[in-house]
Amino acid sequence: MKVIIDAEKKRFTIPLPFFLLHIAGWIICRKWFWKWLNKKSKNITFPTPMLDKQTIQPLLSSLKEYKGITLVDIKDKDGNGVIVRL
C-alpha cells in the first residue's frame, strides 16, 4: 500500500508494507489497546469493538489480490492532495 501526499511543490510517498497492516490489525483487536486509548483521551470514550483476529486476518489477506487499486484520490484547488493506492 502506498500513501502519496502532494503538498506545495513537494511530493511525499509513504510505503506501507502489508506486514505493518497485519500488526496494526493485531493491535486494534486487543482489549488493552482500547483501555489505553480511553485512558489517554479524557473527553471521548471509545467503545471496544467486537473484533477478533479471525475476522481481520482474511480481510487484510484479501487486500493483496486488489493491488494497484486507488482507494482515495483527493485534490483541492491549490493542487494539494492525497492518494491512497493498494
C-alpha atoms as a PDB file:
ATOM      1  CA  MET A   1       0.000   0.000   0.000  1.00  0.00           C
ATOM      2  CA  LYS A   2       1.242   3.497  -0.793  1.00  0.00           C
ATOM      3  CA  VAL A   3       0.154   6.850   0.542  1.00  0.00           C
ATOM      4  CA  ILE A   4       1.144   9.724  -1.753  1.00  0.00           C
ATOM      5  CA  ILE A   5       0.906  13.280  -0.434  1.00  0.00           C
ATOM      6  CA  ASP A   6       1.227  16.284  -2.764  1.00  0.00           C
ATOM      7  CA  ALA A   7       1.767  19.491  -0.819  1.00  0.00           C
ATOM      8  CA  GLU A   8       3.073  22.819  -2.112  1.00  0.00           C
ATOM      9  CA  LYS A   9       5.510  21.675  -4.804  1.00  0.00           C
ATOM     10  CA  LYS A  10       6.619  18.662  -2.742  1.00  0.00           C
ATOM     11  CA  ARG A  11       5.580  15.066  -3.117  1.00  0.00           C
ATOM     12  CA  PHE A  12       5.875  12.530  -0.328  1.00  0.00           C
ATOM     13  CA  THR A  13       5.417   8.810  -0.859  1.00  0.00           C
ATOM     14  CA  ILE A  14       4.910   6.647   2.205  1.00  0.00           C
ATOM     15  CA  PRO A  15       5.019   2.913   1.531  1.00  0.00           C
ATOM     16  CA  LEU A  16       3.043   0.758   3.965  1.00  0.00           C
ATOM     17  CA  PRO A  17       4.005  -2.910   3.723  1.00  0.00           C
ATOM     18  CA  PHE A  18       1.275  -5.445   4.334  1.00  0.00           C
ATOM     19  CA  PHE A  19       3.024  -6.847   7.403  1.00  0.00           C
ATOM     20  CA  LEU A  20       2.561  -3.455   9.108  1.00  0.00           C
ATOM     21  CA  LEU A  21      -1.147  -3.628   8.324  1.00  0.00           C
ATOM     22  CA  HIS A  22      -1.262  -7.090   9.889  1.00  0.00           C
ATOM     23  CA  ILE A  23       0.482  -5.791  13.018  1.00  0.00           C
ATOM     24  CA  ALA A  24      -1.926  -2.841  13.218  1.00  0.00           C
ATOM     25  CA  GLY A  25      -4.853  -5.236  12.850  1.00  0.00           C
ATOM     26  CA  TRP A  26      -3.465  -7.373  15.654  1.00  0.00           C
ATOM     27  CA  ILE A  27      -3.126  -4.329  17.922  1.00  0.00           C
ATOM     28  CA  ILE A  28      -6.636  -2.953  17.377  1.00  0.00           C
ATOM     29  CA  CYS A  29      -8.102  -6.363  18.215  1.00  0.00           C
ATOM     30  CA  ARG A  30      -6.643  -6.233  21.729  1.00  0.00           C
ATOM     31  CA  LYS A  31      -8.671  -5.027  24.689  1.00  0.00           C
ATOM     32  CA  TRP A  32      -5.636  -3.417  26.344  1.00  0.00           C
ATOM     33  CA  PHE A  33      -5.289  -1.078  23.359  1.00  0.00           C
ATOM     34  CA  TRP A  34      -8.830   0.242  23.776  1.00  0.00           C
ATOM     35  CA  LYS A  35      -8.384   0.590  27.545  1.00  0.00           C
ATOM     36  CA  TRP A  36      -5.173   2.527  26.973  1.00  0.00           C
ATOM     37  CA  LEU A  37      -6.847   4.723  24.333  1.00  0.00           C
ATOM     38  CA  ASN A  38      -9.750   5.528  26.649  1.00  0.00           C
ATOM     39  CA  LYS A  39      -7.336   6.362  29.453  1.00  0.00           C
ATOM     40  CA  LYS A  40      -5.334   8.743  27.231  1.00  0.00           C
ATOM     41  CA  SER A  41      -8.344  10.553  25.775  1.00  0.00           C
ATOM     42  CA  LYS A  42     -10.136  12.380  28.543  1.00  0.00           C
ATOM     43  CA  ASN A  43     -13.090  13.830  26.612  1.00  0.00           C
ATOM     44  CA  ILE A  44     -14.002  10.926  24.343  1.00  0.00           C
ATOM     45  CA  THR A  45     -14.611   7.314  25.282  1.00  0.00           C
ATOM     46  CA  PHE A  46     -14.186   4.770  22.539  1.00  0.00           C
ATOM     47  CA  PRO A  47     -16.290   1.614  22.781  1.00  0.00           C
ATOM     48  CA  THR A  48     -14.405  -1.643  22.496  1.00  0.00           C
ATOM     49  CA  PRO A  49     -15.258  -3.067  19.077  1.00  0.00           C
ATOM     50  CA  MET A  50     -16.188  -6.692  18.736  1.00  0.00           C
ATOM     51  CA  LEU A  51     -13.228  -7.570  16.541  1.00  0.00           C
ATOM     52  CA  ASP A  52     -11.093 -10.632  16.691  1.00  0.00           C
ATOM     53  CA  LYS A  53      -8.080 -11.752  14.744  1.00  0.00           C
ATOM     54  CA  GLN A  54     -10.084 -14.339  12.802  1.00  0.00           C
ATOM     55  CA  THR A  55     -12.240 -11.522  11.393  1.00  0.00           C
ATOM     56  CA  ILE A  56      -9.424  -9.136  10.482  1.00  0.00           C
ATOM     57  CA  GLN A  57      -6.964 -11.701   9.068  1.00  0.00           C
ATOM     58  CA  PRO A  58      -8.971 -12.704   5.945  1.00  0.00           C
ATOM     59  CA  LEU A  59      -9.836  -9.079   5.274  1.00  0.00           C
ATOM     60  CA  LEU A  60      -6.199  -7.986   5.276  1.00  0.00           C
ATOM     61  CA  SER A  61      -5.125 -11.035   3.293  1.00  0.00           C
ATOM     62  CA  SER A  62      -7.663 -10.319   0.563  1.00  0.00           C
ATOM     63  CA  LEU A  63      -6.248  -6.807   0.046  1.00  0.00           C
ATOM     64  CA  LYS A  64      -3.234  -8.327  -1.723  1.00  0.00           C
ATOM     65  CA  GLU A  65      -5.486  -9.524  -4.548  1.00  0.00           C
ATOM     66  CA  TYR A  66      -6.521  -5.959  -5.400  1.00  0.00           C
ATOM     67  CA  LYS A  67      -3.052  -4.465  -5.681  1.00  0.00           C
ATOM     68  CA  GLY A  68      -2.956  -1.259  -7.714  1.00  0.00           C
ATOM     69  CA  ILE A  69      -6.485  -0.051  -6.967  1.00  0.00           C
ATOM     70  CA  THR A  70      -6.784   3.579  -5.879  1.00  0.00           C
ATOM     71  CA  LEU A  71      -8.815   3.825  -2.677  1.00  0.00           C
ATOM     72  CA  VAL A  72      -8.649   7.585  -2.098  1.00  0.00           C
ATOM     73  CA  ASP A  73      -7.785  10.364  -4.556  1.00  0.00           C
ATOM     74  CA  ILE A  74      -8.436  13.839  -3.170  1.00  0.00           C
ATOM     75  CA  LYS A  75      -7.131  17.156  -4.506  1.00  0.00           C
ATOM     76  CA  ASP A  76      -8.047  20.699  -3.572  1.00  0.00           C
ATOM     77  CA  LYS A  77      -7.969  23.928  -5.577  1.00  0.00           C
ATOM     78  CA  ASP A  78      -4.356  24.651  -4.643  1.00  0.00           C
ATOM     79  CA  GLY A  79      -3.129  21.358  -6.056  1.00  0.00           C
ATOM     80  CA  ASN A  80      -2.535  19.701  -2.689  1.00  0.00           C
ATOM     81  CA  GLY A  81      -3.805  16.174  -2.472  1.00  0.00           C
ATOM     82  CA  VAL A  82      -3.671  12.692  -1.036  1.00  0.00           C
ATOM     83  CA  ILE A  83      -3.721   9.410  -2.932  1.00  0.00           C
ATOM     84  CA  VAL A  84      -4.035   6.040  -1.202  1.00  0.00           C
ATOM     85  CA  ARG A  85      -3.286   3.140  -3.511  1.00  0.00           C
ATOM     86  CA  LEU A  86      -3.086  -0.571  -2.762  1.00  0.00           C
END
